[in-house]
Protein backbone atom coordinates (compact mmCIF):
# COMPACT_ATOMS: atom_id res chain seq x y z
CA MET A 1 104.38 54.38 55.47
CA SER A 2 103.17 50.71 54.54
CA PRO A 3 101.24 48.12 56.18
CA PHE A 4 103.26 46.23 56.88
CA LEU A 5 106.72 45.54 57.63
CA PRO A 6 109.15 42.30 58.64
CA ALA A 7 108.88 41.75 62.26
CA ARG A 8 112.02 42.04 64.07
CA TYR A 9 111.67 38.38 65.83
CA GLY A 10 111.45 35.49 63.71
CA ALA A 11 110.22 34.83 60.73
CA GLY A 12 106.93 36.70 60.43
CA ILE A 13 105.15 40.34 59.53
CA ILE A 14 103.74 42.80 61.37
CA LEU A 15 100.52 44.05 59.93
CA HIS A 16 98.94 48.17 60.23
CA ILE A 17 95.24 46.97 60.35
CA ARG A 18 92.75 49.85 60.50
CA GLU A 19 88.80 49.62 60.43
CA ILE A 20 87.16 52.20 57.79
CA GLU A 21 84.03 51.73 57.47
CA GLY A 22 82.76 53.18 60.70
CA ARG A 23 81.16 49.30 61.75
CA ASP A 24 82.29 46.07 63.84
CA ALA A 25 84.22 44.05 62.68
CA GLU A 26 85.93 40.71 62.30
CA LEU A 27 89.10 39.52 60.83
CA SER A 28 90.16 35.86 61.04
CA PHE A 29 93.30 34.54 59.03
CA SER A 30 92.45 30.80 59.30
CA SER A 31 90.97 30.78 55.78
CA ARG A 32 93.44 33.37 54.63
CA LYS A 33 96.00 31.70 51.75
CA SER A 34 99.51 31.97 51.82
CA LEU A 35 103.09 31.33 50.44
CA ALA A 36 103.89 29.39 53.60
CA PRO A 37 101.35 28.56 55.96
CA ILE A 38 100.65 31.20 59.10
CA ARG A 39 101.80 29.29 62.02
CA ARG A 40 100.98 32.21 64.35
CA VAL A 41 98.90 35.60 64.93
CA ASP A 42 99.28 37.76 68.14
CA GLU A 43 97.75 41.07 68.41
CA VAL A 44 101.16 43.10 69.34
CA ASN A 45 101.49 47.04 69.83
CA VAL A 46 103.71 49.49 68.12
CA LEU A 47 106.97 47.97 69.99
CA GLU A 48 106.25 44.56 68.48
CA GLU A 49 104.80 43.24 72.34
CA ALA A 50 102.12 41.13 72.68
CA LEU A 51 98.89 42.30 73.70
CA THR A 52 97.23 38.69 72.46
CA GLU A 53 99.07 35.53 71.36
CA ASN A 54 97.56 33.38 69.10
CA LYS A 55 94.46 34.73 68.24
CA PRO A 56 92.64 33.55 64.77
CA LYS A 57 90.58 35.82 64.82
CA LEU A 58 89.98 39.72 65.30
CA SER A 59 87.72 42.22 66.11
CA PHE A 60 87.64 45.63 65.12
CA LYS A 61 86.00 48.24 66.72
CA PRO A 62 84.39 51.20 64.54
CA TYR A 63 87.13 52.95 63.25
CA GLN A 64 89.88 50.92 65.17
CA THR A 65 93.52 50.62 64.19
CA LYS A 66 95.89 47.43 65.26
CA PHE A 67 99.39 45.90 64.88
CA VAL A 68 99.00 42.04 63.87
CA ARG A 69 102.17 40.48 63.82
CA LEU A 70 101.78 37.33 61.64
CA LEU A 71 104.78 34.06 61.75
CA PHE A 72 105.02 31.58 59.51
């Protein structure tokens, strides 16, 4: 399985991200460079339903897995 898929709705992708070092971690999308500017970052569930909206920084607990929707 690929770590990303095209989003069903909107011009974006769904990322499947997992913390693997066993430590609290933080991931910021505001400093990421891409071919298209990232307009929005949402944490979503497996059905692409928004859990948190427009949150450019995500916190992870040890070994936690999250789905993230990036809209361009």
